[in-house]
Amino acid sequence: MFVNLAIYSGSLYLLHVHYLLAATFSFVGAMTSNFILNLRWTFKTHDQGFRAIRDQYFKYALVTLVSYGINIAVLWILVDLHHWHKVVAQLTAIAVTTMSNFLGSKLWAFKLN
């Protein structure tokens, strides 16, 4: 969440990009950092070898792409339709997608065979 909000806010206020593009930048950064953290600490599957990690990354990327779609939809609804503050809307969108992302990771992407 912190990586996502930091990249999102930096993109909005330092780079002055559109909020949906900022959400895309933050998605890429958060996906990468979250994969590493999940691999090392949350699911502790880092000792399975390169092939297993590659497969997990592919599955994790698919899970997070679904979450990204949900995030963008929620963000757009909150900002464009309900006129929420962009950072508050992104924080809310992250909260909405956190559970689906965790469950997809636990039940599929990082599931031990």
PDB file of N, CA and C in Angstrom:
ATOM      1  N   MET A   1       0.824  -1.186   0.000  1.00  0.00           N
ATOM      2  CA  MET A   1       0.000   0.000   0.000  1.00  0.00           C
ATOM      3  C   MET A   1       0.873   1.256   0.000  1.00  0.00           C
ATOM      4  N   PHE A   2       1.939   1.242   0.797  1.00  0.00           N
ATOM      5  CA  PHE A   2       2.802   2.427   0.874  1.00  0.00           C
ATOM      6  C   PHE A   2       3.518   2.682  -0.442  1.00  0.00           C
ATOM      7  N   VAL A   3       4.019   1.618  -1.069  1.00  0.00           N
ATOM      8  CA  VAL A   3       4.694   1.768  -2.365  1.00  0.00           C
ATOM      9  C   VAL A   3       3.702   2.317  -3.386  1.00  0.00           C
ATOM     10  N   ASN A   4       2.512   1.727  -3.411  1.00  0.00           N
ATOM     11  CA  ASN A   4       1.483   2.153  -4.349  1.00  0.00           C
ATOM     12  C   ASN A   4       1.150   3.635  -4.169  1.00  0.00           C
ATOM     13  N   LEU A   5       0.866   4.042  -2.945  1.00  0.00           N
ATOM     14  CA  LEU A   5       0.499   5.443  -2.699  1.00  0.00           C
ATOM     15  C   LEU A   5       1.654   6.405  -2.946  1.00  0.00           C
ATOM     16  N   ALA A   6       2.862   5.970  -2.636  1.00  0.00           N
ATOM     17  CA  ALA A   6       4.024   6.838  -2.870  1.00  0.00           C
ATOM     18  C   ALA A   6       4.229   7.091  -4.361  1.00  0.00           C
ATOM     19  N   ILE A   7       4.179   6.026  -5.149  1.00  0.00           N
ATOM     20  CA  ILE A   7       4.359   6.183  -6.602  1.00  0.00           C
ATOM     21  C   ILE A   7       3.180   6.954  -7.199  1.00  0.00           C
ATOM     22  N   TYR A   8       1.978   6.633  -6.738  1.00  0.00           N
ATOM     23  CA  TYR A   8       0.776   7.319  -7.237  1.00  0.00           C
ATOM     24  C   TYR A   8       0.848   8.817  -6.934  1.00  0.00           C
ATOM     25  N   SER A   9       1.110   9.170  -5.686  1.00  0.00           N
ATOM     26  CA  SER A   9       1.170  10.579  -5.297  1.00  0.00           C
ATOM     27  C   SER A   9       2.315  11.304  -5.994  1.00  0.00           C
ATOM     28  N   GLY A  10       3.470  10.654  -6.076  1.00  0.00           N
ATOM     29  CA  GLY A  10       4.604  11.259  -6.774  1.00  0.00           C
ATOM     30  C   GLY A  10       4.304  11.505  -8.243  1.00  0.00           C
ATOM     31  N   SER A  11       3.637  10.546  -8.871  1.00  0.00           N
ATOM     32  CA  SER A  11       3.272  10.709 -10.284  1.00  0.00           C
ATOM     33  C   SER A  11       2.275  11.844 -10.476  1.00  0.00           C
ATOM     34  N   LEU A  12       1.328  11.939  -9.556  1.00  0.00           N
ATOM     35  CA  LEU A  12       0.321  13.013  -9.640  1.00  0.00           C
ATOM     36  C   LEU A  12       0.931  14.393  -9.423  1.00  0.00           C
ATOM     37  N   TYR A  13       1.667  14.529  -8.315  1.00  0.00           N
ATOM     38  CA  TYR A  13       2.081  15.859  -7.865  1.00  0.00           C
ATOM     39  C   TYR A  13       3.475  16.282  -8.321  1.00  0.00           C
ATOM     40  N   LEU A  14       4.339  15.316  -8.611  1.00  0.00           N
ATOM     41  CA  LEU A  14       5.680  15.683  -9.089  1.00  0.00           C
ATOM     42  C   LEU A  14       5.783  15.610 -10.609  1.00  0.00           C
ATOM     43  N   LEU A  15       5.179  14.583 -11.196  1.00  0.00           N
ATOM     44  CA  LEU A  15       5.241  14.420 -12.651  1.00  0.00           C
ATOM     45  C   LEU A  15       4.024  15.023 -13.360  1.00  0.00           C
ATOM     46  N   HIS A  16       2.983  15.327 -12.585  1.00  0.00           N
ATOM     47  CA  HIS A  16       1.761  15.948 -13.104  1.00  0.00           C
ATOM     48  C   HIS A  16       1.105  15.127 -14.215  1.00  0.00           C
ATOM     49  N   VAL A  17       1.025  13.814 -13.996  1.00  0.00           N
ATOM     50  CA  VAL A  17       0.370  12.953 -14.976  1.00  0.00           C
ATOM     51  C   VAL A  17      -1.091  12.742 -14.577  1.00  0.00           C
ATOM     52  N   HIS A  18      -1.886  12.302 -15.516  1.00  0.00           N
ATOM     53  CA  HIS A  18      -3.304  12.004 -15.276  1.00  0.00           C
ATOM     54  C   HIS A  18      -3.414  10.926 -14.196  1.00  0.00           C
ATOM     55  N   TYR A  19      -4.437  11.001 -13.373  1.00  0.00           N
ATOM     56  CA  TYR A  19      -4.548  10.093 -12.227  1.00  0.00           C
ATOM     57  C   TYR A  19      -4.644   8.622 -12.627  1.00  0.00           C
ATOM     58  N   LEU A  20      -5.228   8.306 -13.780  1.00  0.00           N
ATOM     59  CA  LEU A  20      -5.289   6.906 -14.210  1.00  0.00           C
ATOM     60  C   LEU A  20      -3.915   6.399 -14.675  1.00  0.00           C
ATOM     61  N   LEU A  21      -3.129   7.271 -15.286  1.00  0.00           N
ATOM     62  CA  LEU A  21      -1.761   6.901 -15.651  1.00  0.00           C
ATOM     63  C   LEU A  21      -0.913   6.752 -14.389  1.00  0.00           C
ATOM     64  N   ALA A  22      -1.127   7.623 -13.417  1.00  0.00           N
ATOM     65  CA  ALA A  22      -0.426   7.505 -12.136  1.00  0.00           C
ATOM     66  C   ALA A  22      -0.764   6.177 -11.467  1.00  0.00           C
ATOM     67  N   ALA A  23      -2.014   5.751 -11.567  1.00  0.00           N
ATOM     68  CA  ALA A  23      -2.431   4.466 -10.999  1.00  0.00           C
ATOM     69  C   ALA A  23      -1.750   3.312 -11.729  1.00  0.00           C
ATOM     70  N   THR A  24      -1.512   3.464 -13.010  1.00  0.00           N
ATOM     71  CA  THR A  24      -0.814   2.427 -13.772  1.00  0.00           C
ATOM     72  C   THR A  24       0.647   2.344 -13.329  1.00  0.00           C
ATOM     73  N   PHE A  25       1.301   3.475 -13.176  1.00  0.00           N
ATOM     74  CA  PHE A  25       2.682   3.482 -12.683  1.00  0.00           C
ATOM     75  C   PHE A  25       2.759   2.839 -11.303  1.00  0.00           C
ATOM     76  N   SER A  26       1.842   3.222 -10.432  1.00  0.00           N
ATOM     77  CA  SER A  26       1.876   2.689  -9.068  1.00  0.00           C
ATOM     78  C   SER A  26       1.569   1.196  -9.055  1.00  0.00           C
ATOM     79  N   PHE A  27       0.734   0.736  -9.971  1.00  0.00           N
ATOM     80  CA  PHE A  27       0.439  -0.693 -10.086  1.00  0.00           C
ATOM     81  C   PHE A  27       1.707  -1.483 -10.397  1.00  0.00           C
ATOM     82  N   VAL A  28       2.471  -1.030 -11.370  1.00  0.00           N
ATOM     83  CA  VAL A  28       3.694  -1.741 -11.772  1.00  0.00           C
ATOM     84  C   VAL A  28       4.688  -1.783 -10.611  1.00  0.00           C
ATOM     85  N   GLY A  29       4.901  -0.670  -9.958  1.00  0.00           N
ATOM     86  CA  GLY A  29       5.833  -0.628  -8.827  1.00  0.00           C
ATOM     87  C   GLY A  29       5.369  -1.482  -7.662  1.00  0.00           C
ATOM     88  N   ALA A  30       4.094  -1.380  -7.328  1.00  0.00           N
ATOM     89  CA  ALA A  30       3.560  -2.153  -6.204  1.00  0.00           C
ATOM     90  C   ALA A  30       3.547  -3.640  -6.517  1.00  0.00           C
ATOM     91  N   MET A  31       3.212  -4.003  -7.755  1.00  0.00           N
ATOM     92  CA  MET A  31       3.190  -5.416  -8.123  1.00  0.00           C
ATOM     93  C   MET A  31       4.567  -6.045  -7.927  1.00  0.00           C
ATOM     94  N   THR A  32       5.591  -5.362  -8.362  1.00  0.00           N
ATOM     95  CA  THR A  32       6.945  -5.885  -8.240  1.00  0.00           C
ATOM     96  C   THR A  32       7.372  -6.000  -6.786  1.00  0.00           C
ATOM     97  N   SER A  33       7.171  -4.944  -6.011  1.00  0.00           N
ATOM     98  CA  SER A  33       7.584  -5.004  -4.601  1.00  0.00           C
ATOM     99  C   SER A  33       6.743  -6.005  -3.823  1.00  0.00           C
ATOM    100  N   ASN A  34       5.449  -6.081  -4.101  1.00  0.00           N
ATOM    101  CA  ASN A  34       4.585  -7.036  -3.401  1.00  0.00           C
ATOM    102  C   ASN A  34       4.947  -8.477  -3.735  1.00  0.00           C
ATOM    103  N   PHE A  35       5.330  -8.729  -4.985  1.00  0.00           N
ATOM    104  CA  PHE A  35       5.737 -10.085  -5.342  1.00  0.00           C
ATOM    105  C   PHE A  35       6.949 -10.510  -4.525  1.00  0.00           C
ATOM    106  N   ILE A  36       7.924  -9.649  -4.434  1.00  0.00           N
ATOM    107  CA  ILE A  36       9.141  -9.968  -3.682  1.00  0.00           C
ATOM    108  C   ILE A  36       8.824 -10.180  -2.203  1.00  0.00           C
ATOM    109  N   LEU A  37       8.009  -9.291  -1.636  1.00  0.00           N
ATOM    110  CA  LEU A  37       7.636  -9.441  -0.225  1.00  0.00           C
ATOM    111  C   LEU A  37       6.822 -10.720   0.014  1.00  0.00           C
ATOM    112  N   ASN A  38       5.871 -10.996  -0.868  1.00  0.00           N
ATOM    113  CA  ASN A  38       5.084 -12.224  -0.731  1.00  0.00           C
ATOM    114  C   ASN A  38       5.952 -13.467  -0.875  1.00  0.00           C
ATOM    115  N   LEU A  39       6.857 -13.432  -1.813  1.00  0.00           N
ATOM    116  CA  LEU A  39       7.743 -14.568  -2.063  1.00  0.00           C
ATOM    117  C   LEU A  39       8.631 -14.851  -0.855  1.00  0.00           C
ATOM    118  N   ARG A  40       9.150 -13.814  -0.247  1.00  0.00           N
ATOM    119  CA  ARG A  40      10.103 -13.959   0.852  1.00  0.00           C
ATOM    120  C   ARG A  40       9.457 -14.152   2.221  1.00  0.00           C
ATOM    121  N   TRP A  41       8.369 -13.397   2.495  1.00  0.00           N
ATOM    122  CA  TRP A  41       7.851 -13.392   3.864  1.00  0.00           C
ATOM    123  C   TRP A  41       6.435 -13.944   4.003  1.00  0.00           C
ATOM    124  N   THR A  42       5.520 -13.493   3.178  1.00  0.00           N
ATOM    125  CA  THR A  42       4.120 -13.880   3.381  1.00  0.00           C
ATOM    126  C   THR A  42       3.912 -15.367   3.120  1.00  0.00           C
ATOM    127  N   PHE A  43       4.366 -15.846   1.965  1.00  0.00           N
ATOM    128  CA  PHE A  43       4.133 -17.238   1.592  1.00  0.00           C
ATOM    129  C   PHE A  43       5.385 -18.099   1.662  1.00  0.00           C
ATOM    130  N   LYS A  44       6.543 -17.484   1.845  1.00  0.00           N
ATOM    131  CA  LYS A  44       7.832 -18.167   2.048  1.00  0.00           C
ATOM    132  C   LYS A  44       8.062 -19.302   1.047  1.00  0.00           C
ATOM    133  N   THR A  45       7.955 -18.969  -0.230  1.00  0.00           N
ATOM    134  CA  THR A  45       8.148 -19.974  -1.275  1.00  0.00           C
ATOM    135  C   THR A  45       9.395 -19.700  -2.122  1.00  0.00           C
ATOM    136  N   HIS A  46      10.317 -18.894  -1.587  1.00  0.00           N
ATOM    137  CA  HIS A  46      11.470 -18.462  -2.367  1.00  0.00           C
ATOM    138  C   HIS A  46      12.539 -19.539  -2.554  1.00  0.00           C
ATOM    139  N   ASP A  47      12.441 -20.641  -1.876  1.00  0.00           N
ATOM    140  CA  ASP A  47      13.489 -21.658  -1.978  1.00  0.00           C
ATOM    141  C   ASP A  47      13.118 -22.793  -2.935  1.00  0.00           C
ATOM    142  N   GLN A  48      12.177 -22.562  -3.825  1.00  0.00           N
ATOM    143  CA  GLN A  48      11.732 -23.605  -4.743  1.00  0.00           C
ATOM    144  C   GLN A  48      12.489 -23.626  -6.069  1.00  0.00           C
ATOM    145  N   GLY A  49      13.339 -22.689  -6.320  1.00  0.00           N
ATOM    146  CA  GLY A  49      14.094 -22.651  -7.563  1.00  0.00           C
ATOM    147  C   GLY A  49      13.521 -21.655  -8.556  1.00  0.00           C
ATOM    148  N   PHE A  50      14.328 -21.376  -9.581  1.00  0.00           N
ATOM    149  CA  PHE A  50      13.993 -20.341 -10.562  1.00  0.00           C
ATOM    150  C   PHE A  50      12.703 -20.653 -11.312  1.00  0.00           C
ATOM    151  N   ARG A  51      12.525 -21.884 -11.762  1.00  0.00           N
ATOM    152  CA  ARG A  51      11.350 -22.246 -12.548  1.00  0.00           C
ATOM    153  C   ARG A  51      10.053 -22.010 -11.746  1.00  0.00           C
ATOM    154  N   ALA A  52      10.051 -22.412 -10.494  1.00  0.00           N
ATOM    155  CA  ALA A  52       8.868 -22.221  -9.648  1.00  0.00           C
ATOM    156  C   ALA A  52       8.602 -20.737  -9.418  1.00  0.00           C
ATOM    157  N   ILE A  53       9.654 -19.967  -9.193  1.00  0.00           N
ATOM    158  CA  ILE A  53       9.490 -18.528  -8.982  1.00  0.00           C
ATOM    159  C   ILE A  53       8.967 -17.861 -10.249  1.00  0.00           C
ATOM    160  N   ARG A  54       9.476 -18.265 -11.400  1.00  0.00           N
ATOM    161  CA  ARG A  54       8.989 -17.728 -12.671  1.00  0.00           C
ATOM    162  C   ARG A  54       7.495 -18.026 -12.851  1.00  0.00           C
ATOM    163  N   ASP A  55       7.105 -19.254 -12.567  1.00  0.00           N
ATOM    164  CA  ASP A  55       5.696 -19.638 -12.676  1.00  0.00           C
ATOM    165  C   ASP A  55       4.830 -18.865 -11.689  1.00  0.00           C
ATOM    166  N   GLN A  56       5.336 -18.679 -10.479  1.00  0.00           N
ATOM    167  CA  GLN A  56       4.605 -17.906  -9.474  1.00  0.00           C
ATOM    168  C   GLN A  56       4.457 -16.455  -9.913  1.00  0.00           C
ATOM    169  N   TYR A  57       5.506 -15.889 -10.498  1.00  0.00           N
ATOM    170  CA  TYR A  57       5.428 -14.503 -10.945  1.00  0.00           C
ATOM    171  C   TYR A  57       4.372 -14.351 -12.035  1.00  0.00           C
ATOM    172  N   PHE A  58       4.332 -15.298 -12.968  1.00  0.00           N
ATOM    173  CA  PHE A  58       3.336 -15.250 -14.031  1.00  0.00           C
ATOM    174  C   PHE A  58       1.918 -15.309 -13.446  1.00  0.00           C
ATOM    175  N   LYS A  59       1.688 -16.232 -12.538  1.00  0.00           N
ATOM    176  CA  LYS A  59       0.372 -16.356 -11.905  1.00  0.00           C
ATOM    177  C   LYS A  59       0.042 -15.105 -11.093  1.00  0.00           C
ATOM    178  N   TYR A  60       1.039 -14.614 -10.360  1.00  0.00           N
ATOM    179  CA  TYR A  60       0.835 -13.410  -9.557  1.00  0.00           C
ATOM    180  C   TYR A  60       0.501 -12.216 -10.451  1.00  0.00           C
ATOM    181  N   ALA A  61       1.171 -12.108 -11.586  1.00  0.00           N
ATOM    182  CA  ALA A  61       0.892 -11.015 -12.522  1.00  0.00           C
ATOM    183  C   ALA A  61      -0.555 -11.092 -13.018  1.00  0.00           C
ATOM    184  N   LEU A  62      -1.049 -12.284 -13.293  1.00  0.00           N
ATOM    185  CA  LEU A  62      -2.442 -12.433 -13.720  1.00  0.00           C
ATOM    186  C   LEU A  62      -3.415 -12.024 -12.613  1.00  0.00           C
ATOM    187  N   VAL A  63      -3.120 -12.450 -11.391  1.00  0.00           N
ATOM    188  CA  VAL A  63      -3.965 -12.071 -10.243  1.00  0.00           C
ATOM    189  C   VAL A  63      -3.983 -10.554 -10.089  1.00  0.00           C
ATOM    190  N   THR A  64      -2.820  -9.940 -10.167  1.00  0.00           N
ATOM    191  CA  THR A  64      -2.770  -8.492  -9.956  1.00  0.00           C
ATOM    192  C   THR A  64      -3.342  -7.716 -11.141  1.00  0.00           C
ATOM    193  N   LEU A  65      -3.321  -8.294 -12.332  1.00  0.00           N
ATOM    194  CA  LEU A  65      -3.967  -7.625 -13.460  1.00  0.00           C
ATOM    195  C   LEU A  65      -5.483  -7.522 -13.243  1.00  0.00           C
ATOM    196  N   VAL A  66      -6.072  -8.559 -12.676  1.00  0.00           N
ATOM    197  CA  VAL A  66      -7.500  -8.494 -12.325  1.00  0.00           C
ATOM    198  C   VAL A  66      -7.710  -7.399 -11.286  1.00  0.00           C
ATOM    199  N   SER A  67      -6.859  -7.385 -10.266  1.00  0.00           N
ATOM    200  CA  SER A  67      -6.961  -6.346  -9.233  1.00  0.00           C
ATOM    201  C   SER A  67      -6.756  -4.954  -9.827  1.00  0.00           C
ATOM    202  N   TYR A  68      -5.847  -4.838 -10.782  1.00  0.00           N
ATOM    203  CA  TYR A  68      -5.604  -3.565 -11.455  1.00  0.00           C
ATOM    204  C   TYR A  68      -6.872  -3.081 -12.155  1.00  0.00           C
ATOM    205  N   GLY A  69      -7.545  -3.975 -12.853  1.00  0.00           N
ATOM    206  CA  GLY A  69      -8.787  -3.615 -13.529  1.00  0.00           C
ATOM    207  C   GLY A  69      -9.844  -3.121 -12.557  1.00  0.00           C
ATOM    208  N   ILE A  70      -9.969  -3.829 -11.437  1.00  0.00           N
ATOM    209  CA  ILE A  70     -10.921  -3.416 -10.398  1.00  0.00           C
ATOM    210  C   ILE A  70     -10.508  -2.062  -9.828  1.00  0.00           C
ATOM    211  N   ASN A  71      -9.206  -1.906  -9.569  1.00  0.00           N
ATOM    212  CA  ASN A  71      -8.689  -0.653  -9.013  1.00  0.00           C
ATOM    213  C   ASN A  71      -8.988   0.521  -9.923  1.00  0.00           C
ATOM    214  N   ILE A  72      -8.719   0.365 -11.205  1.00  0.00           N
ATOM    215  CA  ILE A  72      -8.950   1.452 -12.164  1.00  0.00           C
ATOM    216  C   ILE A  72     -10.441   1.796 -12.222  1.00  0.00           C
ATOM    217  N   ALA A  73     -11.296   0.773 -12.223  1.00  0.00           N
ATOM    218  CA  ALA A  73     -12.743   1.014 -12.273  1.00  0.00           C
ATOM    219  C   ALA A  73     -13.221   1.764 -11.033  1.00  0.00           C
ATOM    220  N   VAL A  74     -12.787   1.306  -9.854  1.00  0.00           N
ATOM    221  CA  VAL A  74     -13.192   1.967  -8.609  1.00  0.00           C
ATOM    222  C   VAL A  74     -12.652   3.395  -8.575  1.00  0.00           C
ATOM    223  N   LEU A  75     -11.405   3.565  -8.957  1.00  0.00           N
ATOM    224  CA  LEU A  75     -10.781   4.893  -8.971  1.00  0.00           C
ATOM    225  C   LEU A  75     -11.541   5.835  -9.891  1.00  0.00           C
ATOM    226  N   TRP A  76     -11.858   5.386 -11.091  1.00  0.00           N
ATOM    227  CA  TRP A  76     -12.579   6.218 -12.048  1.00  0.00           C
ATOM    228  C   TRP A  76     -13.959   6.593 -11.507  1.00  0.00           C
ATOM    229  N   ILE A  77     -14.674   5.628 -10.942  1.00  0.00           N
ATOM    230  CA  ILE A  77     -16.007   5.893 -10.388  1.00  0.00           C
ATOM    231  C   ILE A  77     -15.926   6.938  -9.274  1.00  0.00           C
ATOM    232  N   LEU A  78     -14.955   6.758  -8.374  1.00  0.00           N
ATOM    233  CA  LEU A  78     -14.848   7.673  -7.233  1.00  0.00           C
ATOM    234  C   LEU A  78     -14.400   9.072  -7.643  1.00  0.00           C
ATOM    235  N   VAL A  79     -13.468   9.171  -8.577  1.00  0.00           N
ATOM    236  CA  VAL A  79     -12.938  10.483  -8.972  1.00  0.00           C
ATOM    237  C   VAL A  79     -13.861  11.180  -9.972  1.00  0.00           C
ATOM    238  N   ASP A  80     -14.202  10.493 -11.061  1.00  0.00           N
ATOM    239  CA  ASP A  80     -14.969  11.156 -12.116  1.00  0.00           C
ATOM    240  C   ASP A  80     -16.463  11.270 -11.819  1.00  0.00           C
ATOM    241  N   LEU A  81     -17.026  10.262 -11.197  1.00  0.00           N
ATOM    242  CA  LEU A  81     -18.468  10.291 -10.960  1.00  0.00           C
ATOM    243  C   LEU A  81     -18.846  10.884  -9.606  1.00  0.00           C
ATOM    244  N   HIS A  82     -18.001  10.632  -8.594  1.00  0.00           N
ATOM    245  CA  HIS A  82     -18.332  11.111  -7.250  1.00  0.00           C
ATOM    246  C   HIS A  82     -17.441  12.254  -6.773  1.00  0.00           C
ATOM    247  N   HIS A  83     -16.446  12.628  -7.572  1.00  0.00           N
ATOM    248  CA  HIS A  83     -15.582  13.788  -7.317  1.00  0.00           C
ATOM    249  C   HIS A  83     -14.801  13.697  -6.010  1.00  0.00           C
ATOM    250  N   TRP A  84     -14.331  12.498  -5.689  1.00  0.00           N
ATOM    251  CA  TRP A  84     -13.481  12.307  -4.508  1.00  0.00           C
ATOM    252  C   TRP A  84     -12.087  12.859  -4.787  1.00  0.00           C
ATOM    253  N   HIS A  85     -11.358  13.157  -3.724  1.00  0.00           N
ATOM    254  CA  HIS A  85      -9.944  13.516  -3.825  1.00  0.00           C
ATOM    255  C   HIS A  85      -9.204  12.308  -4.410  1.00  0.00           C
ATOM    256  N   LYS A  86      -8.286  12.552  -5.316  1.00  0.00           N
ATOM    257  CA  LYS A  86      -7.633  11.462  -6.046  1.00  0.00           C
ATOM    258  C   LYS A  86      -6.850  10.502  -5.150  1.00  0.00           C
ATOM    259  N   VAL A  87      -6.168  11.000  -4.144  1.00  0.00           N
ATOM    260  CA  VAL A  87      -5.391  10.128  -3.264  1.00  0.00           C
ATOM    261  C   VAL A  87      -6.324   9.312  -2.357  1.00  0.00           C
ATOM    262  N   VAL A  88      -7.359   9.940  -1.847  1.00  0.00           N
ATOM    263  CA  VAL A  88      -8.338   9.218  -1.020  1.00  0.00           C
ATOM    264  C   VAL A  88      -9.030   8.146  -1.860  1.00  0.00           C
ATOM    265  N   ALA A  89      -9.348   8.461  -3.095  1.00  0.00           N
ATOM    266  CA  ALA A  89      -9.972   7.489  -3.992  1.00  0.00           C
ATOM    267  C   ALA A  89      -9.041   6.317  -4.254  1.00  0.00           C
ATOM    268  N   GLN A  90      -7.754   6.583  -4.455  1.00  0.00           N
ATOM    269  CA  GLN A  90      -6.791   5.504  -4.682  1.00  0.00           C
ATOM    270  C   GLN A  90      -6.649   4.636  -3.433  1.00  0.00           C
ATOM    271  N   LEU A  91      -6.607   5.239  -2.281  1.00  0.00           N
ATOM    272  CA  LEU A  91      -6.530   4.485  -1.033  1.00  0.00           C
ATOM    273  C   LEU A  91      -7.758   3.578  -0.882  1.00  0.00           C
ATOM    274  N   THR A  92      -8.914   4.090  -1.212  1.00  0.00           N
ATOM    275  CA  THR A  92     -10.143   3.294  -1.158  1.00  0.00           C
ATOM    276  C   THR A  92     -10.097   2.159  -2.177  1.00  0.00           C
ATOM    277  N   ALA A  93      -9.634   2.440  -3.372  1.00  0.00           N
ATOM    278  CA  ALA A  93      -9.528   1.409  -4.412  1.00  0.00           C
ATOM    279  C   ALA A  93      -8.552   0.308  -3.990  1.00  0.00           C
ATOM    280  N   ILE A  94      -7.466   0.681  -3.343  1.00  0.00           N
ATOM    281  CA  ILE A  94      -6.510  -0.311  -2.834  1.00  0.00           C
ATOM    282  C   ILE A  94      -7.191  -1.187  -1.789  1.00  0.00           C
ATOM    283  N   ALA A  95      -7.948  -0.570  -0.905  1.00  0.00           N
ATOM    284  CA  ALA A  95      -8.654  -1.335   0.128  1.00  0.00           C
ATOM    285  C   ALA A  95      -9.632  -2.330  -0.492  1.00  0.00           C
ATOM    286  N   VAL A  96     -10.302  -1.922  -1.550  1.00  0.00           N
ATOM    287  CA  VAL A  96     -11.265  -2.798  -2.223  1.00  0.00           C
ATOM    288  C   VAL A  96     -10.560  -4.000  -2.852  1.00  0.00           C
ATOM    289  N   THR A  97      -9.395  -3.779  -3.435  1.00  0.00           N
ATOM    290  CA  THR A  97      -8.721  -4.856  -4.173  1.00  0.00           C
ATOM    291  C   THR A  97      -7.770  -5.703  -3.321  1.00  0.00           C
ATOM    292  N   THR A  98      -7.486  -5.289  -2.108  1.00  0.00           N
ATOM    293  CA  THR A  98      -6.524  -6.022  -1.287  1.00  0.00           C
ATOM    294  C   THR A  98      -6.941  -7.463  -1.034  1.00  0.00           C
ATOM    295  N   MET A  99      -8.192  -7.698  -0.688  1.00  0.00           N
ATOM    296  CA  MET A  99      -8.629  -9.046  -0.362  1.00  0.00           C
ATOM    297  C   MET A  99      -8.600  -9.966  -1.583  1.00  0.00           C
ATOM    298  N   SER A 100      -9.059  -9.492  -2.725  1.00  0.00           N
ATOM    299  CA  SER A 100      -9.031 -10.343  -3.922  1.00  0.00           C
ATOM    300  C   SER A 100      -7.593 -10.662  -4.318  1.00  0.00           C
ATOM    301  N   ASN A 101      -6.725  -9.702  -4.160  1.00  0.00           N
ATOM    302  CA  ASN A 101      -5.320  -9.919  -4.483  1.00  0.00           C
ATOM    303  C   ASN A 101      -4.691 -10.948  -3.534  1.00  0.00           C
ATOM    304  N   PHE A 102      -4.977 -10.820  -2.245  1.00  0.00           N
ATOM    305  CA  PHE A 102      -4.439 -11.768  -1.275  1.00  0.00           C
ATOM    306  C   PHE A 102      -4.972 -13.175  -1.522  1.00  0.00           C
ATOM    307  N   LEU A 103      -6.266 -13.298  -1.724  1.00  0.00           N
ATOM    308  CA  LEU A 103      -6.852 -14.627  -1.943  1.00  0.00           C
ATOM    309  C   LEU A 103      -6.339 -15.273  -3.225  1.00  0.00           C
ATOM    310  N   GLY A 104      -6.244 -14.507  -4.289  1.00  0.00           N
ATOM    311  CA  GLY A 104      -5.690 -15.038  -5.537  1.00  0.00           C
ATOM    312  C   GLY A 104      -4.251 -15.482  -5.372  1.00  0.00           C
ATOM    313  N   SER A 105      -3.494 -14.734  -4.596  1.00  0.00           N
ATOM    314  CA  SER A 105      -2.097 -15.090  -4.340  1.00  0.00           C
ATOM    315  C   SER A 105      -2.004 -16.356  -3.497  1.00  0.00           C
ATOM    316  N   LYS A 106      -2.773 -16.404  -2.430  1.00  0.00           N
ATOM    317  CA  LYS A 106      -2.714 -17.540  -1.504  1.00  0.00           C
ATOM    318  C   LYS A 106      -3.238 -18.825  -2.137  1.00  0.00           C
ATOM    319  N   LEU A 107      -4.364 -18.725  -2.827  1.00  0.00           N
ATOM    320  CA  LEU A 107      -5.024 -19.918  -3.339  1.00  0.00           C
ATOM    321  C   LEU A 107      -4.499 -20.389  -4.690  1.00  0.00           C
ATOM    322  N   TRP A 108      -3.786 -19.519  -5.418  1.00  0.00           N
ATOM    323  CA  TRP A 108      -3.340 -19.925  -6.737  1.00  0.00           C
ATOM    324  C   TRP A 108      -1.879 -19.586  -7.021  1.00  0.00           C
ATOM    325  N   ALA A 109      -1.509 -18.315  -6.954  1.00  0.00           N
ATOM    326  CA  ALA A 109      -0.168 -17.907  -7.392  1.00  0.00           C
ATOM    327  C   ALA A 109       0.951 -18.503  -6.539  1.00  0.00           C
ATOM    328  N   PHE A 110       0.793 -18.514  -5.225  1.00  0.00           N
ATOM    329  CA  PHE A 110       1.839 -19.005  -4.335  1.00  0.00           C
ATOM    330  C   PHE A 110       1.487 -20.355  -3.695  1.00  0.00           C
ATOM    331  N   LYS A 111       0.484 -21.013  -4.223  1.00  0.00           N
ATOM    332  CA  LYS A 111       0.079 -22.302  -3.686  1.00  0.00           C
ATOM    333  C   LYS A 111       1.184 -23.318  -3.918  1.00  0.00           C
ATOM    334  N   LEU A 112       1.554 -24.003  -2.850  1.00  0.00           N
ATOM    335  CA  LEU A 112       2.588 -25.037  -2.954  1.00  0.00           C
ATOM    336  C   LEU A 112       1.971 -26.297  -3.555  1.00  0.00           C
ATOM    337  N   ASN A 113       2.688 -26.874  -4.486  1.00  0.00           N
ATOM    338  CA  ASN A 113       2.186 -28.108  -5.121  1.00  0.00           C
ATOM    339  C   ASN A 113       2.587 -29.329  -4.347  1.00  0.00           C
TER     340      ASN A 113
END
